[in-house]
PDB file of all heavy atoms in Angstrom:
ATOM      1  N   ALA A   1       0.860  -1.166  -0.048  1.00  0.00           N
ATOM      2  CA  ALA A   1       0.056   0.022  -0.005  1.00  0.00           C
ATOM      3  C   ALA A   1       0.880   1.234  -0.048  1.00  0.00           C
ATOM      4  O   ALA A   1       1.675   1.451   1.029  1.00  0.00           O
ATOM      5  CB  ALA A   1      -0.911  -0.005   1.229  1.00  0.00           C
ATOM      6  N   THR A   2       0.933   1.983  -1.046  1.00  0.00           N
ATOM      7  CA  THR A   2       1.750   3.253  -1.158  1.00  0.00           C
ATOM      8  C   THR A   2       0.864   4.375  -0.906  1.00  0.00           C
ATOM      9  O   THR A   2      -0.293   4.455  -1.153  1.00  0.00           O
ATOM     10  CB  THR A   2       2.377   3.301  -2.562  1.00  0.00           C
ATOM     11  OG1 THR A   2       1.330   3.343  -3.557  1.00  0.00           O
ATOM     12  CG2 THR A   2       3.309   2.069  -2.789  1.00  0.00           C
ATOM     13  N   ALA A   3       1.557   5.401  -0.332  1.00  0.00           N
ATOM     14  CA  ALA A   3       0.850   6.603   0.124  1.00  0.00           C
ATOM     15  C   ALA A   3       0.411   7.507  -1.043  1.00  0.00           C
ATOM     16  O   ALA A   3      -0.603   8.259  -0.846  1.00  0.00           O
ATOM     17  CB  ALA A   3       1.684   7.424   1.034  1.00  0.00           C
ATOM     18  N   GLY A   4       1.044   7.376  -2.256  1.00  0.00           N
ATOM     19  CA  GLY A   4       0.554   8.339  -3.361  1.00  0.00           C
ATOM     20  C   GLY A   4       1.083   9.675  -3.365  1.00  0.00           C
ATOM     21  O   GLY A   4       0.859  10.456  -4.231  1.00  0.00           O
ATOM     22  N   VAL A   5       1.705  10.023  -2.220  1.00  0.00           N
ATOM     23  CA  VAL A   5       2.389  11.440  -2.104  1.00  0.00           C
ATOM     24  C   VAL A   5       3.692  11.129  -1.337  1.00  0.00           C
ATOM     25  O   VAL A   5       3.932  10.083  -0.769  1.00  0.00           O
ATOM     26  CB  VAL A   5       1.490  12.354  -1.196  1.00  0.00           C
ATOM     27  CG1 VAL A   5       0.208  12.704  -1.954  1.00  0.00           C
ATOM     28  CG2 VAL A   5       1.260  11.866   0.191  1.00  0.00           C
ATOM     29  N   ASP A   6       4.490  12.171  -1.405  1.00  0.00           N
ATOM     30  CA  ASP A   6       5.862  12.198  -0.847  1.00  0.00           C
ATOM     31  C   ASP A   6       5.694  12.423   0.625  1.00  0.00           C
ATOM     32  O   ASP A   6       5.795  13.576   1.039  1.00  0.00           O
ATOM     33  CB  ASP A   6       6.788  13.134  -1.493  1.00  0.00           C
ATOM     34  CG  ASP A   6       8.174  13.025  -0.982  1.00  0.00           C
ATOM     35  OD1 ASP A   6       8.463  12.159  -0.276  1.00  0.00           O
ATOM     36  OD2 ASP A   6       8.967  13.915  -1.416  1.00  0.00           O
ATOM     37  N   VAL A   7       5.622  11.364   1.429  1.00  0.00           N
ATOM     38  CA  VAL A   7       5.456  11.450   2.854  1.00  0.00           C
ATOM     39  C   VAL A   7       6.656  11.950   3.543  1.00  0.00           C
ATOM     40  O   VAL A   7       6.662  12.822   4.472  1.00  0.00           O
ATOM     41  CB  VAL A   7       4.964  10.152   3.487  1.00  0.00           C
ATOM     42  CG1 VAL A   7       4.904  10.297   5.027  1.00  0.00           C
ATOM     43  CG2 VAL A   7       3.609   9.763   2.943  1.00  0.00           C
ATOM     44  N   ASN A   8       7.862  11.382   3.223  1.00  0.00           N
ATOM     45  CA  ASN A   8       9.094  11.710   3.919  1.00  0.00           C
ATOM     46  C   ASN A   8       9.908  12.819   3.247  1.00  0.00           C
ATOM     47  O   ASN A   8      11.031  13.105   3.777  1.00  0.00           O
ATOM     48  CB  ASN A   8       9.887  10.411   4.062  1.00  0.00           C
ATOM     49  CG  ASN A   8      10.425   9.865   2.735  1.00  0.00           C
ATOM     50  OD1 ASN A   8      10.094  10.426   1.690  1.00  0.00           O
ATOM     51  ND2 ASN A   8      10.861   8.567   2.799  1.00  0.00           N
ATOM     52  N   GLY A   9       9.436  13.370   2.237  1.00  0.00           N
ATOM     53  CA  GLY A   9      10.140  14.562   1.645  1.00  0.00           C
ATOM     54  C   GLY A   9      11.438  14.241   0.924  1.00  0.00           C
ATOM     55  O   GLY A   9      12.313  15.049   0.699  1.00  0.00           O
ATOM     56  N   ASP A  10      11.586  12.898   0.423  1.00  0.00           N
ATOM     57  CA  ASP A  10      12.710  12.552  -0.284  1.00  0.00           C
ATOM     58  C   ASP A  10      12.673  12.818  -1.767  1.00  0.00           C
ATOM     59  O   ASP A  10      13.517  12.486  -2.538  1.00  0.00           O
ATOM     60  CB  ASP A  10      13.187  11.126  -0.056  1.00  0.00           C
ATOM     61  CG  ASP A  10      12.086  10.115  -0.563  1.00  0.00           C
ATOM     62  OD1 ASP A  10      11.042  10.633  -1.155  1.00  0.00           O
ATOM     63  OD2 ASP A  10      12.293   8.909  -0.443  1.00  0.00           O
ATOM     64  N   GLY A  11      11.515  13.425  -2.311  1.00  0.00           N
ATOM     65  CA  GLY A  11      11.372  13.664  -3.620  1.00  0.00           C
ATOM     66  C   GLY A  11      10.760  12.522  -4.488  1.00  0.00           C
ATOM     67  O   GLY A  11      10.582  12.611  -5.648  1.00  0.00           O
ATOM     68  N   ASN A  12      10.466  11.396  -3.777  1.00  0.00           N
ATOM     69  CA  ASN A  12       9.831  10.270  -4.481  1.00  0.00           C
ATOM     70  C   ASN A  12       8.479   9.899  -3.884  1.00  0.00           C
ATOM     71  O   ASN A  12       8.387   9.948  -2.637  1.00  0.00           O
ATOM     72  CB  ASN A  12      10.736   8.993  -4.424  1.00  0.00           C
ATOM     73  CG  ASN A  12      12.105   9.292  -5.121  1.00  0.00           C
ATOM     74  OD1 ASN A  12      12.176   9.823  -6.280  1.00  0.00           O
ATOM     75  ND2 ASN A  12      13.164   8.940  -4.526  1.00  0.00           N
ATOM     76  N   ASN A  13       7.539   9.628  -4.723  1.00  0.00           N
ATOM     77  CA  ASN A  13       6.226   9.228  -4.259  1.00  0.00           C
ATOM     78  C   ASN A  13       6.131   7.684  -4.123  1.00  0.00           C
ATOM     79  O   ASN A  13       5.311   7.039  -4.748  1.00  0.00           O
ATOM     80  CB  ASN A  13       5.082   9.717  -5.208  1.00  0.00           C
ATOM     81  CG  ASN A  13       4.993  11.205  -5.113  1.00  0.00           C
ATOM     82  OD1 ASN A  13       5.501  11.858  -4.316  1.00  0.00           O
ATOM     83  ND2 ASN A  13       4.393  11.800  -6.242  1.00  0.00           N
ATOM     84  N   THR A  14       7.068   7.080  -3.398  1.00  0.00           N
ATOM     85  CA  THR A  14       7.118   5.671  -3.258  1.00  0.00           C
ATOM     86  C   THR A  14       6.874   5.185  -1.787  1.00  0.00           C
ATOM     87  O   THR A  14       6.924   4.035  -1.516  1.00  0.00           O
ATOM     88  CB  THR A  14       8.493   5.113  -3.678  1.00  0.00           C
ATOM     89  OG1 THR A  14       9.463   5.780  -2.888  1.00  0.00           O
ATOM     90  CG2 THR A  14       8.711   5.375  -5.183  1.00  0.00           C
ATOM     91  N   ASP A  15       6.512   6.135  -0.891  1.00  0.00           N
ATOM     92  CA  ASP A  15       6.397   5.860   0.485  1.00  0.00           C
ATOM     93  C   ASP A  15       5.169   4.866   0.841  1.00  0.00           C
ATOM     94  O   ASP A  15       4.106   4.960   0.088  1.00  0.00           O
ATOM     95  CB  ASP A  15       6.176   7.135   1.349  1.00  0.00           C
ATOM     96  CG  ASP A  15       7.401   8.088   1.134  1.00  0.00           C
ATOM     97  OD1 ASP A  15       8.563   7.626   1.363  1.00  0.00           O
ATOM     98  OD2 ASP A  15       7.124   9.242   0.745  1.00  0.00           O
ATOM     99  N   PHE A  16       5.377   4.026   1.739  1.00  0.00           N
ATOM    100  CA  PHE A  16       4.356   3.190   2.211  1.00  0.00           C
ATOM    101  C   PHE A  16       3.250   3.888   3.027  1.00  0.00           C
ATOM    102  O   PHE A  16       3.590   5.068   3.712  1.00  0.00           O
ATOM    103  CB  PHE A  16       4.816   1.951   3.037  1.00  0.00           C
ATOM    104  CG  PHE A  16       5.825   1.050   2.164  1.00  0.00           C
ATOM    105  CD1 PHE A  16       7.002   0.798   2.654  1.00  0.00           C
ATOM    106  CD2 PHE A  16       5.448   0.492   1.019  1.00  0.00           C
ATOM    107  CE1 PHE A  16       7.902   0.157   1.990  1.00  0.00           C
ATOM    108  CE2 PHE A  16       6.287  -0.253   0.312  1.00  0.00           C
ATOM    109  CZ  PHE A  16       7.560  -0.491   0.722  1.00  0.00           C
ATOM    110  N   VAL A  17       2.046   3.435   3.102  1.00  0.00           N
ATOM    111  CA  VAL A  17       1.068   4.066   3.950  1.00  0.00           C
ATOM    112  C   VAL A  17       1.592   3.966   5.387  1.00  0.00           C
ATOM    113  O   VAL A  17       2.084   2.899   5.777  1.00  0.00           O
ATOM    114  CB  VAL A  17      -0.256   3.298   3.784  1.00  0.00           C
ATOM    115  CG1 VAL A  17      -1.250   3.624   4.923  1.00  0.00           C
ATOM    116  CG2 VAL A  17      -0.913   3.605   2.471  1.00  0.00           C
ATOM    117  N   PRO A  18       1.528   4.976   6.197  1.00  0.00           N
ATOM    118  CA  PRO A  18       2.037   4.920   7.572  1.00  0.00           C
ATOM    119  C   PRO A  18       1.452   3.687   8.385  1.00  0.00           C
ATOM    120  O   PRO A  18       0.308   3.493   8.320  1.00  0.00           O
ATOM    121  CB  PRO A  18       1.473   6.293   8.154  1.00  0.00           C
ATOM    122  CG  PRO A  18       1.423   7.221   6.966  1.00  0.00           C
ATOM    123  CD  PRO A  18       0.953   6.343   5.834  1.00  0.00           C
ATOM    124  N   GLY A  19       2.394   3.038   8.982  1.00  0.00           N
ATOM    125  CA  GLY A  19       2.089   1.838   9.736  1.00  0.00           C
ATOM    126  C   GLY A  19       2.139   0.562   8.971  1.00  0.00           C
ATOM    127  O   GLY A  19       2.205  -0.558   9.545  1.00  0.00           O
ATOM    128  N   THR A  20       2.361   0.602   7.661  1.00  0.00           N
ATOM    129  CA  THR A  20       2.497  -0.609   6.782  1.00  0.00           C
ATOM    130  C   THR A  20       3.995  -0.635   6.291  1.00  0.00           C
ATOM    131  O   THR A  20       4.730   0.402   6.368  1.00  0.00           O
ATOM    132  CB  THR A  20       1.541  -0.636   5.650  1.00  0.00           C
ATOM    133  OG1 THR A  20       1.978   0.275   4.613  1.00  0.00           O
ATOM    134  CG2 THR A  20       0.117  -0.203   5.980  1.00  0.00           C
ATOM    135  N   THR A  21       4.259  -1.817   5.797  1.00  0.00           N
ATOM    136  CA  THR A  21       5.635  -2.116   5.243  1.00  0.00           C
ATOM    137  C   THR A  21       5.464  -2.745   3.852  1.00  0.00           C
ATOM    138  O   THR A  21       4.305  -2.806   3.329  1.00  0.00           O
ATOM    139  CB  THR A  21       6.500  -2.890   6.217  1.00  0.00           C
ATOM    140  OG1 THR A  21       5.765  -4.171   6.528  1.00  0.00           O
ATOM    141  CG2 THR A  21       6.806  -2.232   7.427  1.00  0.00           C
ATOM    142  N   ARG A  22       6.485  -3.260   3.436  1.00  0.00           N
ATOM    143  CA  ARG A  22       6.477  -3.804   2.039  1.00  0.00           C
ATOM    144  C   ARG A  22       5.609  -5.043   1.924  1.00  0.00           C
ATOM    145  O   ARG A  22       5.798  -5.983   2.660  1.00  0.00           O
ATOM    146  CB  ARG A  22       7.949  -4.091   1.568  1.00  0.00           C
ATOM    147  CG  ARG A  22       8.093  -4.507   0.104  1.00  0.00           C
ATOM    148  CD  ARG A  22       9.513  -4.436  -0.273  1.00  0.00           C
ATOM    149  NE  ARG A  22      10.259  -5.515   0.235  1.00  0.00           N
ATOM    150  CZ  ARG A  22      10.830  -6.539  -0.518  1.00  0.00           C
ATOM    151  NH1 ARG A  22      10.718  -6.605  -1.872  1.00  0.00           N
ATOM    152  NH2 ARG A  22      11.585  -7.352   0.067  1.00  0.00           N
ATOM    153  N   ASN A  23       4.748  -4.925   0.849  1.00  0.00           N
ATOM    154  CA  ASN A  23       3.943  -6.234   0.494  1.00  0.00           C
ATOM    155  C   ASN A  23       3.256  -6.877   1.606  1.00  0.00           C
ATOM    156  O   ASN A  23       3.423  -8.059   1.869  1.00  0.00           O
ATOM    157  CB  ASN A  23       4.943  -7.162  -0.224  1.00  0.00           C
ATOM    158  CG  ASN A  23       5.292  -6.764  -1.602  1.00  0.00           C
ATOM    159  OD1 ASN A  23       4.725  -5.878  -2.169  1.00  0.00           O
ATOM    160  ND2 ASN A  23       6.315  -7.302  -2.243  1.00  0.00           N
ATOM    161  N   VAL A  24       2.457  -6.078   2.363  1.00  0.00           N
ATOM    162  CA  VAL A  24       1.796  -6.682   3.476  1.00  0.00           C
ATOM    163  C   VAL A  24       0.405  -7.257   3.162  1.00  0.00           C
ATOM    164  O   VAL A  24      -0.164  -7.944   3.932  1.00  0.00           O
ATOM    165  CB  VAL A  24       1.608  -5.627   4.632  1.00  0.00           C
ATOM    166  CG1 VAL A  24       3.020  -5.303   5.315  1.00  0.00           C
ATOM    167  CG2 VAL A  24       0.852  -4.368   4.095  1.00  0.00           C
ATOM    168  N   PHE A  25      -0.107  -6.939   2.017  1.00  0.00           N
ATOM    169  CA  PHE A  25      -1.411  -7.404   1.645  1.00  0.00           C
ATOM    170  C   PHE A  25      -1.395  -8.843   0.918  1.00  0.00           C
ATOM    171  O   PHE A  25      -0.431  -9.190   0.343  1.00  0.00           O
ATOM    172  CB  PHE A  25      -2.164  -6.476   0.735  1.00  0.00           C
ATOM    173  CG  PHE A  25      -2.910  -5.234   1.421  1.00  0.00           C
ATOM    174  CD1 PHE A  25      -2.186  -4.226   1.714  1.00  0.00           C
ATOM    175  CD2 PHE A  25      -4.232  -5.335   1.683  1.00  0.00           C
ATOM    176  CE1 PHE A  25      -2.814  -3.134   2.370  1.00  0.00           C
ATOM    177  CE2 PHE A  25      -4.867  -4.387   2.416  1.00  0.00           C
ATOM    178  CZ  PHE A  25      -4.115  -3.205   2.674  1.00  0.00           C
ATOM    179  N   ASN A  26      -2.494  -9.561   1.162  1.00  0.00           N
ATOM    180  CA  ASN A  26      -2.583 -10.971   0.817  1.00  0.00           C
ATOM    181  C   ASN A  26      -1.623 -11.820   1.516  1.00  0.00           C
ATOM    182  O   ASN A  26      -1.080 -12.790   0.970  1.00  0.00           O
ATOM    183  CB  ASN A  26      -2.411 -11.083  -0.704  1.00  0.00           C
ATOM    184  CG  ASN A  26      -3.535 -10.468  -1.495  1.00  0.00           C
ATOM    185  OD1 ASN A  26      -4.698 -10.394  -0.984  1.00  0.00           O
ATOM    186  ND2 ASN A  26      -3.299 -10.150  -2.714  1.00  0.00           N
ATOM    187  N   ARG A  27      -1.289 -11.479   2.759  1.00  0.00           N
ATOM    188  CA  ARG A  27      -0.451 -12.326   3.605  1.00  0.00           C
ATOM    189  C   ARG A  27      -0.947 -12.606   4.951  1.00  0.00           C
ATOM    190  O   ARG A  27      -0.244 -12.719   5.940  1.00  0.00           O
ATOM    191  CB  ARG A  27       0.960 -11.694   3.642  1.00  0.00           C
ATOM    192  CG  ARG A  27       1.822 -11.928   2.492  1.00  0.00           C
ATOM    193  CD  ARG A  27       2.025 -13.299   2.202  1.00  0.00           C
ATOM    194  NE  ARG A  27       2.656 -13.677   0.996  1.00  0.00           N
ATOM    195  CZ  ARG A  27       2.061 -14.042  -0.191  1.00  0.00           C
ATOM    196  NH1 ARG A  27       0.701 -14.003  -0.184  1.00  0.00           N
ATOM    197  NH2 ARG A  27       2.717 -14.307  -1.299  1.00  0.00           N
ATOM    198  N   GLY A  28      -2.319 -12.596   5.080  1.00  0.00           N
ATOM    199  CA  GLY A  28      -3.124 -13.087   6.252  1.00  0.00           C
ATOM    200  C   GLY A  28      -3.386 -11.964   7.230  1.00  0.00           C
ATOM    201  O   GLY A  28      -3.906 -12.293   8.305  1.00  0.00           O
ATOM    202  N   THR A  29      -2.996 -10.660   6.905  1.00  0.00           N
ATOM    203  CA  THR A  29      -3.265  -9.576   7.860  1.00  0.00           C
ATOM    204  C   THR A  29      -4.077  -8.483   7.194  1.00  0.00           C
ATOM    205  O   THR A  29      -3.892  -7.320   7.615  1.00  0.00           O
ATOM    206  CB  THR A  29      -2.023  -9.052   8.464  1.00  0.00           C
ATOM    207  OG1 THR A  29      -1.092  -8.576   7.422  1.00  0.00           O
ATOM    208  CG2 THR A  29      -1.248 -10.102   9.311  1.00  0.00           C
ATOM    209  N   ASP A  30      -4.862  -8.782   6.183  1.00  0.00           N
ATOM    210  CA  ASP A  30      -5.509  -7.839   5.363  1.00  0.00           C
ATOM    211  C   ASP A  30      -6.519  -6.936   6.234  1.00  0.00           C
ATOM    212  O   ASP A  30      -6.593  -5.724   5.953  1.00  0.00           O
ATOM    213  CB  ASP A  30      -6.297  -8.412   4.281  1.00  0.00           C
ATOM    214  CG  ASP A  30      -5.402  -8.905   3.063  1.00  0.00           C
ATOM    215  OD1 ASP A  30      -4.180  -8.857   3.303  1.00  0.00           O
ATOM    216  OD2 ASP A  30      -5.960  -9.350   2.029  1.00  0.00           O
ATOM    217  N   THR A  31      -7.117  -7.490   7.223  1.00  0.00           N
ATOM    218  CA  THR A  31      -8.050  -6.638   8.091  1.00  0.00           C
ATOM    219  C   THR A  31      -7.342  -5.591   8.687  1.00  0.00           C
ATOM    220  O   THR A  31      -7.719  -4.372   8.779  1.00  0.00           O
ATOM    221  CB  THR A  31      -8.750  -7.620   9.120  1.00  0.00           C
ATOM    222  OG1 THR A  31      -9.458  -8.597   8.325  1.00  0.00           O
ATOM    223  CG2 THR A  31      -9.755  -6.790   9.913  1.00  0.00           C
ATOM    224  N   GLN A  32      -6.117  -5.957   9.407  1.00  0.00           N
ATOM    225  CA  GLN A  32      -5.381  -4.860  10.032  1.00  0.00           C
ATOM    226  C   GLN A  32      -4.744  -3.901   9.090  1.00  0.00           C
ATOM    227  O   GLN A  32      -4.752  -2.639   9.302  1.00  0.00           O
ATOM    228  CB  GLN A  32      -4.361  -5.544  10.893  1.00  0.00           C
ATOM    229  CG  GLN A  32      -4.837  -6.474  11.941  1.00  0.00           C
ATOM    230  CD  GLN A  32      -4.785  -7.947  11.487  1.00  0.00           C
ATOM    231  OE1 GLN A  32      -5.368  -8.297  10.486  1.00  0.00           O
ATOM    232  NE2 GLN A  32      -4.044  -8.793  12.181  1.00  0.00           N
ATOM    233  N   MET A  33      -4.337  -4.283   7.932  1.00  0.00           N
ATOM    234  CA  MET A  33      -3.635  -3.512   6.987  1.00  0.00           C
ATOM    235  C   MET A  33      -4.645  -2.492   6.309  1.00  0.00           C
ATOM    236  O   MET A  33      -4.368  -1.352   6.090  1.00  0.00           O
ATOM    237  CB  MET A  33      -2.942  -4.300   5.818  1.00  0.00           C
ATOM    238  CG  MET A  33      -1.847  -5.076   6.467  1.00  0.00           C
ATOM    239  SD  MET A  33      -0.486  -4.020   7.292  1.00  0.00           S
ATOM    240  CE  MET A  33      -0.793  -4.543   9.087  1.00  0.00           C
ATOM    241  N   LEU A  34      -5.932  -2.985   6.046  1.00  0.00           N
ATOM    242  CA  LEU A  34      -6.894  -2.225   5.419  1.00  0.00           C
ATOM    243  C   LEU A  34      -7.315  -1.108   6.377  1.00  0.00           C
ATOM    244  O   LEU A  34      -7.614  -0.052   5.963  1.00  0.00           O
ATOM    245  CB  LEU A  34      -8.035  -3.091   5.048  1.00  0.00           C
ATOM    246  CG  LEU A  34      -9.089  -2.324   4.149  1.00  0.00           C
ATOM    247  CD1 LEU A  34      -8.446  -1.656   2.895  1.00  0.00           C
ATOM    248  CD2 LEU A  34     -10.222  -3.319   3.738  1.00  0.00           C
ATOM    249  N   ALA A  35      -7.382  -1.489   7.772  1.00  0.00           N
ATOM    250  CA  ALA A  35      -7.684  -0.456   8.599  1.00  0.00           C
ATOM    251  C   ALA A  35      -6.752   0.725   8.664  1.00  0.00           C
ATOM    252  O   ALA A  35      -7.126   1.872   8.829  1.00  0.00           O
ATOM    253  CB  ALA A  35      -7.820  -1.078  10.115  1.00  0.00           C
ATOM    254  N   LEU A  36      -5.483   0.372   8.510  1.00  0.00           N
ATOM    255  CA  LEU A  36      -4.490   1.418   8.401  1.00  0.00           C
ATOM    256  C   LEU A  36      -4.603   2.308   7.148  1.00  0.00           C
ATOM    257  O   LEU A  36      -4.392   3.457   7.162  1.00  0.00           O
ATOM    258  CB  LEU A  36      -3.019   0.836   8.427  1.00  0.00           C
ATOM    259  CG  LEU A  36      -2.655   0.159   9.724  1.00  0.00           C
ATOM    260  CD1 LEU A  36      -1.363  -0.587   9.645  1.00  0.00           C
ATOM    261  CD2 LEU A  36      -2.513   1.289  10.833  1.00  0.00           C
ATOM    262  N   VAL A  37      -4.948   1.620   6.086  1.00  0.00           N
ATOM    263  CA  VAL A  37      -5.249   2.275   4.728  1.00  0.00           C
ATOM    264  C   VAL A  37      -6.453   3.206   4.879  1.00  0.00           C
ATOM    265  O   VAL A  37      -6.333   4.368   4.498  1.00  0.00           O
ATOM    266  CB  VAL A  37      -5.334   1.375   3.574  1.00  0.00           C
ATOM    267  CG1 VAL A  37      -5.870   2.013   2.345  1.00  0.00           C
ATOM    268  CG2 VAL A  37      -4.166   0.585   3.217  1.00  0.00           C
ATOM    269  N   ASN A  38      -7.485   2.784   5.430  1.00  0.00           N
ATOM    270  CA  ASN A  38      -8.678   3.614   5.615  1.00  0.00           C
ATOM    271  C   ASN A  38      -8.452   4.728   6.579  1.00  0.00           C
ATOM    272  O   ASN A  38      -8.922   5.860   6.354  1.00  0.00           O
ATOM    273  CB  ASN A  38      -9.795   2.740   6.019  1.00  0.00           C
ATOM    274  CG  ASN A  38     -10.374   1.952   4.860  1.00  0.00           C
ATOM    275  OD1 ASN A  38     -10.352   2.347   3.775  1.00  0.00           O
ATOM    276  ND2 ASN A  38     -10.982   0.795   5.151  1.00  0.00           N
ATOM    277  N   ALA A  39      -7.660   4.518   7.602  1.00  0.00           N
ATOM    278  CA  ALA A  39      -7.260   5.666   8.486  1.00  0.00           C
ATOM    279  C   ALA A  39      -6.485   6.724   7.741  1.00  0.00           C
ATOM    280  O   ALA A  39      -6.752   7.982   7.992  1.00  0.00           O
ATOM    281  CB  ALA A  39      -6.498   5.113   9.696  1.00  0.00           C
ATOM    282  N   TYR A  40      -5.644   6.293   6.860  1.00  0.00           N
ATOM    283  CA  TYR A  40      -4.849   7.222   6.100  1.00  0.00           C
ATOM    284  C   TYR A  40      -5.712   7.952   5.073  1.00  0.00           C
ATOM    285  O   TYR A  40      -5.579   9.109   4.915  1.00  0.00           O
ATOM    286  CB  TYR A  40      -3.740   6.467   5.428  1.00  0.00           C
ATOM    287  CG  TYR A  40      -2.982   7.316   4.300  1.00  0.00           C
ATOM    288  CD1 TYR A  40      -2.049   8.309   4.800  1.00  0.00           C
ATOM    289  CD2 TYR A  40      -3.076   7.055   3.022  1.00  0.00           C
ATOM    290  CE1 TYR A  40      -1.390   8.984   3.737  1.00  0.00           C
ATOM    291  CE2 TYR A  40      -2.487   7.794   2.055  1.00  0.00           C
ATOM    292  CZ  TYR A  40      -1.594   8.799   2.357  1.00  0.00           C
ATOM    293  OH  TYR A  40      -0.954   9.533   1.458  1.00  0.00           O
ATOM    294  N   ARG A  41      -6.631   7.194   4.451  1.00  0.00           N
ATOM    295  CA  ARG A  41      -7.508   7.881   3.510  1.00  0.00           C
ATOM    296  C   ARG A  41      -8.433   8.881   4.219  1.00  0.00           C
ATOM    297  O   ARG A  41      -8.741   9.916   3.690  1.00  0.00           O
ATOM    298  CB  ARG A  41      -8.375   6.839   2.860  1.00  0.00           C
ATOM    299  CG  ARG A  41      -7.677   5.943   1.808  1.00  0.00           C
ATOM    300  CD  ARG A  41      -8.602   4.860   1.230  1.00  0.00           C
ATOM    301  NE  ARG A  41      -9.775   5.366   0.633  1.00  0.00           N
ATOM    302  CZ  ARG A  41      -9.847   5.820  -0.689  1.00  0.00           C
ATOM    303  NH1 ARG A  41      -8.729   5.758  -1.357  1.00  0.00           N
ATOM    304  NH2 ARG A  41     -10.970   6.263  -1.177  1.00  0.00           N
ATOM    305  N   ALA A  42      -8.806   8.615   5.487  1.00  0.00           N
ATOM    306  CA  ALA A  42      -9.574   9.684   6.181  1.00  0.00           C
ATOM    307  C   ALA A  42      -8.869  10.924   6.420  1.00  0.00           C
ATOM    308  O   ALA A  42      -9.594  12.018   6.354  1.00  0.00           O
ATOM    309  CB  ALA A  42     -10.019   8.922   7.558  1.00  0.00           C
ATOM    310  N   THR A  43      -7.533  10.943   6.596  1.00  0.00           N
ATOM    311  CA  THR A  43      -6.818  12.087   6.809  1.00  0.00           C
ATOM    312  C   THR A  43      -6.837  12.979   5.495  1.00  0.00           C
ATOM    313  O   THR A  43      -6.612  14.147   5.590  1.00  0.00           O
ATOM    314  CB  THR A  43      -5.361  11.790   7.168  1.00  0.00           C
ATOM    315  OG1 THR A  43      -4.697  11.155   6.062  1.00  0.00           O
ATOM    316  CG2 THR A  43      -5.303  10.931   8.462  1.00  0.00           C
ATOM    317  N   ALA A  44      -7.150  12.365   4.396  1.00  0.00           N
ATOM    318  CA  ALA A  44      -7.194  13.039   3.106  1.00  0.00           C
ATOM    319  C   ALA A  44      -8.644  13.367   2.713  1.00  0.00           C
ATOM    320  O   ALA A  44      -8.861  13.737   1.590  1.00  0.00           O
ATOM    321  CB  ALA A  44      -6.467  12.360   1.985  1.00  0.00           C
ATOM    322  N   GLY A  45      -9.606  12.979   3.555  1.00  0.00           N
ATOM    323  CA  GLY A  45     -10.960  13.269   3.286  1.00  0.00           C
ATOM    324  C   GLY A  45     -11.588  12.231   2.249  1.00  0.00           C
ATOM    325  O   GLY A  45     -12.577  12.587   1.589  1.00  0.00           O
TER     326      GLY A  45
END
């Protein structure tokens, strides 16, 4: 789950959604990871 914006200010839009790491979906924790994604989406309305 990538953030879609430059979260850490390094000039690249490759950052993960806060709280997630690389390739966490489809590995048995989708409920928790989707909650983090939706919390992040809420901050952007």
